């Protein structure tokens, strides 16, 4: 029997994001307002015909819309919130969390925001923005990351502009040169490479008075190219970025600047790897990172990040998720084109071999993993070099890239692997909410669970508990 889909929270969110009343959305879907009300309150399941109408009328990707997870206030994220020890005496069960997420998505998102602000205030003093916007309790990085993920890391306005510009500047022999010419001819901006001493610790600096972009001589070639594309994006797409910033309404100046930079970074990647051309090449080469870096003059991280942005309705790529970590396990990037199977507030599961990449520098390390809900993913991890050569910035970073197992047969790095018989590693989210019983890597017992330890019996898991 097919599983019934109760997607009321997502329907409400979609309607709210499009600025529609129930009557207007019901008309577009060809149903009555009362029926839509029942759908949004999870009193009726969403049928296949409704999903098709959503795909046609709202350019919704059915697979992404019907899948679980990926939103602030989702049941998975709320479970992580209520795993905090401050809630341990409340004994909030999974069913209560699911009901809150499904029936009151706005309240659920509010709880998630409050917890995020509280958690970040624990880590350091917070300040309220000059306009008294309490959203400034979030660190700029968290606010920007959540905003970008709320848009599934895809911005059509930037994609369209970058695709037009990137196509016009296409050059099979050089990527940087046509970008440099465009800066000079359209905006009178010259590009020069200077020693790091002149930039005083920066990797690039734009001097608007001299119309001069200075790039550090320590930057690797593909990062110099990206730097030129970044500056071109700031000038070329200024009106588009300004509109996106107005819609986003960042809570303070610092967050606004960081989001501004993020939009320009996004556009720079889209100029270097125009959507249609890049997607066609990705499918032609079975998403081979090495082939794509060579064809587009980009590096491993730039291509991996671009994979997570391929969410154009009607021309979607494989929905990848991506992490970037340092050897200490600090997560400095976390993006997903659809859903992300790991903890929002914590790091990664130690069973995922992302850290193994540091022991095999430059090599791709593949792994099949399975999350507690039974969903399987194909993942690949590999090290990357930092963008700038410097004694202070030395050391490697690691990129973790993954997608649902159903897409793995399309990947170059999965060739030769029997996906039906290959060993699968069970992984989980943060230990505090992971339900796996016999995990030798468990660092903490799951929140709210009764420990099953006894001095006369030692177990594989350091914190056995009553399921």
Protein backbone atom coordinates (compact mmCIF):
# COMPACT_ATOMS: atom_id res chain seq x y z
CA UNK A 1 0.00 0.00 0.00
CA UNK A 2 1.40 3.40 -0.97
CA UNK A 3 2.26 5.71 1.90
CA UNK A 4 -0.12 8.66 2.27
CA UNK A 5 1.54 12.05 2.00
CA UNK A 6 0.52 14.64 4.58
CA UNK A 7 2.34 17.78 3.51
CA UNK A 8 0.29 20.50 5.13
CA UNK A 9 3.28 22.36 6.53
CA UNK A 10 4.93 22.53 3.13
CA UNK A 11 1.76 23.70 1.41
CA UNK A 12 1.36 26.47 3.98
CA UNK A 13 4.98 27.50 3.57
CA UNK A 14 4.73 27.49 -0.23
CA UNK A 15 1.56 29.59 -0.13
CA UNK A 16 3.13 32.03 2.32
CA UNK A 17 6.31 32.34 0.26
CA UNK A 18 4.24 33.15 -2.85
CA UNK A 19 2.14 35.69 -0.95
CA UNK A 20 -1.15 33.92 -1.71
CA UNK A 21 -4.39 33.60 0.22
CA UNK A 22 -6.01 30.16 0.40
CA UNK A 23 -8.66 31.17 -2.13
CA UNK A 24 -6.07 32.26 -4.70
CA UNK A 25 -3.90 29.17 -4.30
CA UNK A 26 -6.93 26.87 -4.40
CA UNK A 27 -7.97 28.48 -7.69
CA UNK A 28 -4.54 27.89 -9.20
CA UNK A 29 -4.67 24.25 -8.11
CA UNK A 30 -8.23 23.76 -9.36
CA UNK A 31 -9.60 22.77 -5.96
CA UNK A 32 -11.93 24.38 -3.44
CA UNK A 33 -10.58 26.60 -0.64
CA UNK A 34 -12.09 24.23 1.94
CA UNK A 35 -10.24 21.27 0.40
CA UNK A 36 -6.97 23.22 0.48
CA UNK A 37 -7.69 24.07 4.11
CA UNK A 38 -8.05 20.35 4.84
CA UNK A 39 -4.76 19.64 3.04
CA UNK A 40 -2.92 22.31 5.01
CA UNK A 41 -4.29 20.98 8.29
CA UNK A 42 -3.25 17.43 7.32
CA UNK A 43 -6.86 16.28 7.38
CA UNK A 44 -6.44 15.03 3.81
CA UNK A 45 -3.39 13.52 2.14
CA UNK A 46 -1.82 15.19 -0.88
CA UNK A 47 -2.67 13.16 -3.97
CA UNK A 48 -0.58 12.53 -7.06
CA UNK A 49 -2.78 14.88 -9.08
CA UNK A 50 -2.22 17.71 -6.59
CA UNK A 51 1.53 17.12 -6.76
CA UNK A 52 1.41 17.33 -10.56
CA UNK A 53 -0.53 20.61 -10.39
CA UNK A 54 2.03 21.98 -7.95
CA UNK A 55 4.78 21.01 -10.38
CA UNK A 56 3.01 22.65 -13.32
CA UNK A 57 1.61 25.77 -11.66
CA UNK A 58 4.30 26.55 -9.09
CA UNK A 59 7.38 24.95 -10.70
CA UNK A 60 7.77 22.72 -7.64
CA UNK A 61 10.07 19.72 -7.86
CA UNK A 62 7.84 16.85 -6.73
CA UNK A 63 10.70 14.75 -5.40
CA UNK A 64 12.02 17.56 -3.25
CA UNK A 65 8.59 18.77 -2.11
CA UNK A 66 7.47 15.31 -0.98
CA UNK A 67 10.74 14.34 0.71
CA UNK A 68 11.22 14.76 4.44
CA UNK A 69 13.61 17.16 6.12
CA UNK A 70 15.52 20.17 4.91
CA UNK A 71 13.49 23.00 6.46
CA UNK A 72 13.83 25.01 9.60
CA UNK A 73 11.17 23.70 11.94
CA UNK A 74 11.14 20.24 10.34
CA UNK A 75 10.60 17.27 12.64
CA UNK A 76 14.27 16.32 12.33
CA UNK A 77 15.48 19.76 13.40
CA UNK A 78 12.94 20.01 16.21
CA UNK A 79 14.09 16.62 17.51
CA UNK A 80 17.59 18.05 17.65
CA UNK A 81 16.34 21.13 19.50
CA UNK A 82 14.41 19.14 22.11
CA UNK A 83 17.38 16.83 22.63
CA UNK A 84 19.02 19.68 24.56
CA UNK A 85 19.42 18.76 28.26
CA UNK A 86 17.27 21.75 29.27
CA UNK A 87 14.24 19.83 27.96
CA UNK A 88 15.16 16.43 29.43
CA UNK A 89 12.46 16.52 32.15
CA UNK A 90 9.69 17.23 29.63
CA UNK A 91 9.98 13.81 27.94
CA UNK A 92 8.77 15.17 24.62
CA UNK A 93 8.07 12.24 22.34
CA UNK A 94 8.66 11.91 18.62
CA UNK A 95 4.94 11.98 17.86
CA UNK A 96 4.48 15.33 19.61
CA UNK A 97 7.38 16.76 17.61
CA UNK A 98 5.96 15.51 14.31
CA UNK A 99 2.53 16.94 15.13
CA UNK A 100 4.01 20.34 15.97
CA UNK A 101 6.03 20.39 12.75
CA UNK A 102 3.09 19.29 10.60
CA UNK A 103 0.30 21.29 12.17
CA UNK A 104 2.06 24.50 13.21
CA UNK A 105 5.03 25.06 10.90
CA UNK A 106 5.31 28.73 11.79
CA UNK A 107 5.51 27.99 15.52
CA UNK A 108 7.95 25.15 14.82
CA UNK A 109 10.21 27.50 12.87
CA UNK A 110 9.96 30.04 15.67
CA UNK A 111 11.09 27.43 18.20
CA UNK A 112 14.01 26.54 15.94
CA UNK A 113 15.02 30.21 15.62
CA UNK A 114 14.80 30.80 19.37
CA UNK A 115 16.92 27.76 20.10
CA UNK A 116 19.51 28.79 17.52
CA UNK A 117 19.76 32.24 19.08
CA UNK A 118 20.04 30.75 22.56
CA UNK A 119 22.70 28.29 21.48
CA UNK A 120 24.78 30.99 19.83
CA UNK A 121 24.42 33.26 22.84
CA UNK A 122 25.89 30.45 24.94
CA UNK A 123 28.93 30.44 22.66
CA UNK A 124 29.59 34.16 23.01
CA UNK A 125 28.02 37.52 23.82
CA UNK A 126 25.37 38.62 21.36
CA UNK A 127 24.45 42.16 20.42
CA UNK A 128 21.23 43.60 19.18
CA UNK A 129 21.39 45.41 15.85
CA UNK A 130 21.19 49.16 15.67
CA UNK A 131 17.53 48.95 14.72
CA UNK A 132 16.70 46.61 17.60
CA UNK A 133 16.13 43.60 15.36
CA UNK A 134 16.22 40.54 17.61
CA UNK A 135 17.20 38.41 14.61
CA UNK A 136 20.67 39.86 15.15
CA UNK A 137 21.00 37.34 18.01
CA UNK A 138 21.97 34.90 15.26
CA UNK A 139 25.57 35.04 14.16
CA UNK A 140 25.84 36.42 10.62
CA UNK A 141 27.14 33.07 9.35
CA UNK A 142 24.16 31.15 10.76
CA UNK A 143 21.61 33.67 9.51
CA UNK A 144 23.06 33.68 6.01
CA UNK A 145 23.41 29.90 5.88
CA UNK A 146 19.79 29.41 6.94
CA UNK A 147 18.53 32.00 4.47
CA UNK A 148 20.42 30.40 1.57
CA UNK A 149 19.20 26.94 2.53
CA UNK A 150 15.62 28.19 2.81
CA UNK A 151 15.93 28.93 -0.92
CA UNK A 152 17.42 25.45 -1.55
CA UNK A 153 20.67 27.19 -2.51
CA UNK A 154 19.24 28.29 -5.87
CA UNK A 155 18.66 31.87 -7.02
CA UNK A 156 17.04 32.05 -10.47
CA UNK A 157 17.65 35.78 -10.94
CA UNK A 158 21.40 35.39 -10.54
CA UNK A 159 21.41 32.23 -12.64
CA UNK A 160 19.74 33.92 -15.59
CA UNK A 161 22.03 36.93 -15.56
CA UNK A 162 25.16 34.84 -15.06
CA UNK A 163 24.20 32.39 -17.79
CA UNK A 164 23.74 35.20 -20.31
CA UNK A 165 27.01 36.86 -19.32
CA UNK A 166 28.96 33.63 -19.01
CA UNK A 167 27.79 32.47 -22.41
CA UNK A 168 28.81 35.75 -24.01
CA UNK A 169 32.25 35.60 -22.41
CA UNK A 170 32.87 31.93 -23.18
CA UNK A 171 36.39 31.17 -24.37
CA UNK A 172 37.69 27.60 -24.80
CA UNK A 173 41.30 28.70 -24.24
CA UNK A 174 40.89 31.00 -21.26
CA UNK A 175 38.42 31.66 -18.48
CA UNK A 176 40.08 34.60 -16.76
CA UNK A 177 40.94 36.68 -19.82
CA UNK A 178 37.39 37.40 -21.06
CA UNK A 179 36.36 38.23 -17.48
CA UNK A 180 39.26 40.68 -17.21
CA UNK A 181 38.33 42.29 -20.54
CA UNK A 182 34.70 42.68 -19.48
CA UNK A 183 35.75 44.43 -16.28
CA UNK A 184 37.97 46.81 -18.21
CA UNK A 185 35.72 47.55 -21.16
CA UNK A 186 32.38 47.78 -19.33
CA UNK A 187 33.46 49.27 -16.00
CA UNK A 188 36.95 50.69 -16.53
CA UNK A 189 38.36 48.37 -13.87
CA UNK A 190 41.92 47.07 -14.26
CA UNK A 191 43.20 43.87 -12.66
CA UNK A 192 46.67 43.47 -11.23
CA UNK A 193 48.49 40.88 -9.13
CA UNK A 194 50.42 42.21 -6.15
CA UNK A 195 52.44 40.84 -3.27
CA UNK A 196 50.66 39.89 -0.04
CA UNK A 197 52.39 42.70 1.87
CA UNK A 198 50.52 45.30 -0.17
CA UNK A 199 47.14 43.77 0.68
CA UNK A 200 47.85 43.49 4.42
CA UNK A 201 46.40 40.03 4.89
CA UNK A 202 43.60 40.23 2.30
CA UNK A 203 43.41 37.93 -0.69
CA UNK A 204 41.91 40.62 -2.94
CA UNK A 205 41.05 44.29 -2.63
CA UNK A 206 39.07 46.57 -4.94
CA UNK A 207 40.01 50.26 -4.91
CA UNK A 208 36.99 52.14 -6.36
CA UNK A 209 38.86 55.43 -6.65
CA UNK A 210 41.58 53.96 -8.85
CA UNK A 211 39.16 51.48 -10.48
CA UNK A 212 41.71 48.80 -9.63
CA UNK A 213 41.23 45.18 -8.52
CA UNK A 214 44.31 43.83 -6.75
CA UNK A 215 44.72 40.06 -6.39
CA UNK A 216 47.24 38.43 -4.08
CA UNK A 217 50.12 36.69 -5.81
CA UNK A 218 49.60 33.83 -3.32
CA UNK A 219 46.21 32.92 -4.81
CA UNK A 220 46.04 29.76 -6.87
CA UNK A 221 45.19 30.32 -10.57
CA UNK A 222 41.56 29.17 -10.37
CA UNK A 223 41.05 31.36 -7.30
CA UNK A 224 42.42 34.37 -9.17
CA UNK A 225 39.85 33.66 -11.87
CA UNK A 226 37.11 33.38 -9.26
CA UNK A 227 38.26 36.65 -7.73
CA UNK A 228 37.83 38.44 -11.05
CA UNK A 229 34.40 36.85 -11.53
CA UNK A 230 33.45 37.94 -8.00
CA UNK A 231 34.31 41.58 -8.66
CA UNK A 232 32.52 41.48 -12.00
CA UNK A 233 29.43 40.08 -10.24
CA UNK A 234 29.41 42.95 -7.74
CA UNK A 235 29.30 45.46 -10.59
CA UNK A 236 27.31 43.59 -13.24
CA UNK A 237 24.56 42.30 -10.97
CA UNK A 238 24.34 45.19 -8.53
CA UNK A 239 20.60 45.82 -9.21
CA UNK A 240 19.73 42.13 -8.88
CA UNK A 241 21.71 41.69 -5.68
CA UNK A 242 20.17 44.87 -4.24
CA UNK A 243 16.67 43.47 -4.86
CA UNK A 244 17.59 40.13 -3.28
CA UNK A 245 18.95 41.91 -0.22
CA UNK A 246 15.74 43.89 0.13
CA UNK A 247 13.69 40.70 0.02
CA UNK A 248 15.98 38.94 2.51
CA UNK A 249 15.97 41.82 5.02
CA UNK A 250 19.17 40.90 6.91
CA UNK A 251 18.96 41.96 10.58
CA UNK A 252 22.09 44.12 10.73
CA UNK A 253 24.87 45.65 8.65
CA UNK A 254 27.35 42.84 9.24
CA UNK A 255 24.90 40.16 8.14
CA UNK A 256 23.89 42.25 5.13
CA UNK A 257 27.53 42.52 4.01
CA UNK A 258 28.04 38.77 4.43
CA UNK A 259 24.88 37.98 2.45
CA UNK A 260 25.98 40.49 -0.21
CA UNK A 261 29.29 38.65 -0.52
CA UNK A 262 27.48 35.30 -0.64
CA UNK A 263 25.31 36.47 -3.54
CA UNK A 264 28.38 37.72 -5.40
CA UNK A 265 30.18 34.42 -4.74
CA UNK A 266 27.15 32.54 -6.05
CA UNK A 267 27.07 34.67 -9.19
CA UNK A 268 30.83 34.27 -9.72
CA UNK A 269 30.47 30.49 -9.72
CA UNK A 270 27.52 30.76 -12.09
CA UNK A 271 29.51 32.97 -14.50
CA UNK A 272 32.43 30.54 -14.56
CA UNK A 273 30.07 27.56 -14.88
CA UNK A 274 26.91 28.78 -16.72
CA UNK A 275 23.90 26.72 -15.74
CA UNK A 276 22.87 25.06 -18.99
CA UNK A 277 26.40 24.46 -20.22
CA UNK A 278 27.58 23.16 -16.86
CA UNK A 279 24.60 20.85 -16.33
CA UNK A 280 25.01 19.39 -19.83
CA UNK A 281 28.72 18.79 -19.21
CA UNK A 282 28.03 17.31 -15.77
CA UNK A 283 25.60 14.80 -17.25
CA UNK A 284 27.90 14.08 -20.20
CA UNK A 285 30.83 13.32 -17.89
CA UNK A 286 28.74 11.57 -15.23
CA UNK A 287 29.49 14.32 -12.74
CA UNK A 288 33.23 13.68 -12.90
CA UNK A 289 34.75 16.47 -10.83
CA UNK A 290 38.15 16.15 -12.49
CA UNK A 291 36.69 16.47 -16.00
CA UNK A 292 34.60 19.47 -14.98
CA UNK A 293 37.44 21.29 -13.24
CA UNK A 294 39.51 20.93 -16.40
CA UNK A 295 36.71 22.08 -18.72
CA UNK A 296 35.62 25.11 -16.70
CA UNK A 297 38.93 26.22 -15.20
CA UNK A 298 37.54 25.75 -11.69
CA UNK A 299 38.78 23.81 -8.68
CA UNK A 300 37.30 20.86 -6.78
CA UNK A 301 35.54 23.00 -4.20
CA UNK A 302 34.03 25.35 -6.79
CA UNK A 303 32.65 22.46 -8.84
CA UNK A 304 31.37 20.64 -5.74
CA UNK A 305 29.61 23.78 -4.54
CA UNK A 306 28.11 24.30 -8.00
CA UNK A 307 26.61 20.80 -7.85
CA UNK A 308 24.44 21.89 -4.91
CA UNK A 309 22.92 24.82 -6.84
CA UNK A 310 21.45 22.89 -9.79
CA UNK A 311 17.81 23.30 -8.80
CA UNK A 312 16.30 24.97 -11.86
CA UNK A 313 12.71 23.75 -12.39
CA UNK A 314 12.57 21.60 -15.51
CA UNK A 315 16.36 21.30 -15.67
CA UNK A 316 17.50 19.97 -12.34
CA UNK A 317 20.77 18.25 -11.67
CA UNK A 318 21.36 15.54 -9.10
CA UNK A 319 20.46 17.02 -5.68
CA UNK A 320 23.78 16.90 -3.85
CA UNK A 321 24.66 17.90 -0.32
CA UNK A 322 28.11 19.19 0.56
CA UNK A 323 30.24 19.79 3.65
CA UNK A 324 33.66 21.35 4.08
CA UNK A 325 35.64 20.61 7.23
CA UNK A 326 39.11 21.19 8.60
CA UNK A 327 41.22 18.48 10.31
CA UNK A 328 39.70 19.40 13.68
CA UNK A 329 36.21 18.69 12.37
CA UNK A 330 35.00 22.29 12.22
CA UNK A 331 32.31 22.69 9.55
CA UNK A 332 32.88 25.81 7.44
CA UNK A 333 30.44 25.05 4.62
CA UNK A 334 27.16 23.17 4.63
CA UNK A 335 24.91 23.25 1.56
CA UNK A 336 22.24 21.03 0.11
CA UNK A 337 20.31 21.12 -3.14
CA UNK A 338 17.49 19.14 -1.55
CA UNK A 339 17.85 17.65 1.89
CA UNK A 340 20.79 17.27 4.23
CA UNK A 341 20.96 14.04 6.24
CA UNK A 342 23.09 15.29 9.13
CA UNK A 343 22.79 17.46 12.21
CA UNK A 344 22.04 21.15 11.72
CA UNK A 345 23.63 22.24 14.99
CA UNK A 346 26.44 19.71 15.34
CA UNK A 347 29.17 18.21 13.21
CA UNK A 348 29.20 14.92 11.35
CA UNK A 349 28.76 11.32 12.35
CA UNK A 350 32.18 9.71 13.05
CA UNK A 351 31.10 6.71 10.99
CA UNK A 352 31.01 8.84 7.86
CA UNK A 353 34.49 8.62 6.35
CA UNK A 354 34.83 12.32 5.63
CA UNK A 355 37.80 12.48 8.00
CA UNK A 356 39.45 9.50 6.30
CA UNK A 357 40.08 11.78 3.33
CA UNK A 358 42.87 13.46 5.30
CA UNK A 359 44.71 10.12 5.38
CA UNK A 360 44.43 9.75 1.60
CA UNK A 361 45.20 13.27 0.41
CA UNK A 362 44.08 13.94 -3.15
CA UNK A 363 42.21 10.67 -3.52
CA UNK A 364 38.45 10.17 -3.70
CA UNK A 365 37.11 8.04 -0.83
CA UNK A 366 33.65 6.62 -1.53
CA UNK A 367 31.15 5.19 0.92
CA UNK A 368 27.52 4.09 1.06
CA UNK A 369 25.79 5.27 4.20
CA UNK A 370 22.36 4.68 5.68
CA UNK A 371 20.57 7.09 8.01
CA UNK A 372 18.27 5.84 10.81
CA UNK A 373 15.19 6.36 8.62
CA UNK A 374 16.54 3.75 6.20
CA UNK A 375 17.52 6.23 3.49
CA UNK A 376 20.78 5.43 1.72
CA UNK A 377 23.28 7.87 0.24
CA UNK A 378 26.34 7.54 -1.92
CA UNK A 379 29.12 9.82 -0.70
CA UNK A 380 32.59 10.79 -1.82
CA UNK A 381 35.19 12.64 0.23
CA UNK A 382 38.47 14.17 -0.85
CA UNK A 383 40.93 16.75 0.37
CA UNK A 384 41.37 20.17 -1.17
CA UNK A 385 44.04 22.82 -0.81
CA UNK A 386 43.23 26.17 0.71
CA UNK A 387 42.72 28.94 -1.87
CA UNK A 388 45.81 30.89 -0.91
CA UNK A 389 49.39 29.70 -0.46
CA UNK A 390 50.63 30.88 2.90
CA UNK A 391 52.47 29.51 5.91
CA UNK A 392 49.64 30.72 8.14
CA UNK A 393 46.91 29.23 5.95
CA UNK A 394 48.67 25.92 5.38
CA UNK A 395 47.03 22.54 5.75
CA UNK A 396 44.29 20.76 3.91
CA UNK A 397 40.52 20.92 4.06
CA UNK A 398 38.15 18.09 3.16
CA UNK A 399 35.05 18.16 0.99
CA UNK A 400 32.24 15.68 1.55
CA UNK A 401 29.75 15.32 -1.29
CA UNK A 402 26.75 13.02 -1.37
CA UNK A 403 23.42 12.21 -2.99
CA UNK A 404 20.58 9.77 -2.58
CA UNK A 405 21.49 6.23 -3.65
CA UNK A 406 18.91 6.37 -6.42
CA UNK A 407 21.17 8.78 -8.32
CA UNK A 408 24.47 7.03 -7.68
CA UNK A 409 24.43 5.02 -10.92
CA UNK A 410 24.85 8.32 -12.80
CA UNK A 411 28.13 9.16 -11.06
CA UNK A 412 31.60 8.62 -12.50
CA UNK A 413 33.02 7.91 -9.04
CA UNK A 414 30.50 5.08 -8.54
CA UNK A 415 31.54 3.20 -11.68
CA UNK A 416 32.60 -0.35 -10.88
CA UNK A 417 30.80 -0.38 -7.54
CA UNK A 418 27.98 -2.89 -7.12
CA UNK A 419 25.52 -0.53 -5.47
CA UNK A 420 23.17 -3.39 -4.57
CA UNK A 421 25.84 -5.44 -2.79
CA UNK A 422 28.38 -2.88 -1.57
CA UNK A 423 28.72 -2.62 2.22
CA UNK A 424 26.58 0.05 3.78
CA UNK A 425 27.67 2.00 6.86
CA UNK A 426 24.92 2.96 9.30
CA UNK A 427 25.33 6.60 10.31
CA UNK A 428 23.27 9.02 12.31
CA UNK A 429 22.74 12.65 13.18
CA UNK A 430 24.19 14.16 16.38
CA UNK A 431 24.73 11.54 19.08
CA UNK A 432 22.22 13.31 21.31
CA UNK A 433 19.38 12.40 18.94
CA UNK A 434 20.76 9.28 17.23
CA UNK A 435 18.56 6.23 17.91
CA UNK A 436 21.21 3.61 17.07
CA UNK A 437 21.76 1.25 19.98
CA UNK A 438 25.04 -0.58 19.31
CA UNK A 439 27.33 2.23 18.20
CA UNK A 440 30.88 2.10 19.53
CA UNK A 441 31.39 5.69 18.41
CA UNK A 442 28.60 7.15 20.52
CA UNK A 443 29.92 10.17 22.43
CA UNK A 444 26.81 10.95 24.48
CA UNK A 445 23.61 9.09 25.36
CA UNK A 446 20.50 10.18 23.45
CA UNK A 447 18.54 12.90 25.19
CA UNK A 448 15.61 11.67 27.26
CA UNK A 449 16.63 8.01 27.05
CA UNK A 450 17.11 5.81 30.10
CA UNK A 451 20.65 4.46 30.37
CA UNK A 452 21.05 0.68 30.53
CA UNK A 453 24.51 0.60 32.11
CA UNK A 454 25.53 -1.84 34.85
CA UNK A 455 28.82 -2.30 36.60
CA UNK A 456 28.76 -6.06 35.91
CA UNK A 457 28.31 -5.72 32.16
CA UNK A 458 30.28 -3.69 29.62
CA UNK A 459 28.82 -3.06 26.19
CA UNK A 460 30.18 -2.09 22.77
CA UNK A 461 28.48 1.25 23.06
CA UNK A 462 29.77 3.34 25.98
CA UNK A 463 26.22 4.55 26.61
CA UNK A 464 23.70 1.72 26.14
CA UNK A 465 20.14 2.87 26.62
CA UNK A 466 16.60 1.58 26.69
CA UNK A 467 15.11 2.01 23.21
